[in-house]
Amino acid sequence: MLISPRPDPAPAAHDRIYRGLRTRIMHGEIAPGQALTLRGIAAEFGVSMTPAREALRRLAAEGALTLSSSGRVSTPELGNDRIEELAALRSLLEVELASRALPRAHIALIDRLQTINARITEDIARRDAVGYIRRNLEFHRTLYLRAQAPAMLAMAETVWLQLGPTMRALYGRLRQKEPPHFHRLIIAALKAGDEPGLRLAVRSDVTQGLRMLVG
C-alpha cells in the first residue's frame, strides 16, 4: 500500500505570515521606515526562518517592504514623486472600477456603503488612524467588488499596500471630525446613476489626502 507523504507545512506558514503582515502594512499598522527582523517575525508567528524569509521576499516584490543591500527590511518611506505616482495610479484604477460598478449598484450596496461611512465617523471620533484606514479601504473595496474586475482590483490593492504606512502618517495628523466629504458624493452619485459625478467624486477622494503630503 502506498502511503501519501505528509504535506509540507512551509507553504501554509509562509502564506499565513504573508497575509498577516500584508494586512498590517495595508492598514497602516506599521509606520514608514519601521524595521522588521527575520528573527522577530519568525518568533511572532511561531515558525522557522524559511517561511518568514519567503513571506518578506514576497512582500518586497509587491513594493510593501524595502530590502537594503545590508539585508535590512523595512517599510518604505516614500518621496513626493513616488506618492504622486501612486496617487495617479489610484485615480486611474479606482475611477474605472467605480464606473464599472455603477450598473450593479443596487440598494443593498448603497446601504452597506452608508453603514461603513457611519463607522468611519466613529473611528474619527476615537482618533483611530488605523481603524480609519481599514474602514476607508473597506468602503472602496465594497464598491469595487461590484465591478467584477478582479485583476484591476488586485492592482488597486497593491497600490493600497504600498501606500499603507504613508497613509498612516497622513491620517495620524489629520484633524477631521466628519467622514470624508467625497464619500457622501460617491453615494449620491450611485443613487442618481450619475457616472460623471461618480468618476469625479472617486478621483477627488483618492487623491485629495495624498496631495497634502506633497504640498
Foldseek 3Di string as FASTA:
>chain_A
DDDDDDDDCLVVLLVVLLVVVLLCLLLQVFAAFDWDDLVVSCVVSVHDSVSSVVSQVVCVVLLQWDQDPVGIIGGHDDDLVVLVVLLVLQLVLLLVLLLLLLVVCDPVLLVVLVVLQVVLLVCLVVLPSSSNSVSVVVSSVSSSVSSVPVVSVVVNSSSSSSCRNVSSVQSNPDNDNHGDPLSVQCSVCSVVSPSVSNSVSSSCVSNVSSVVVND
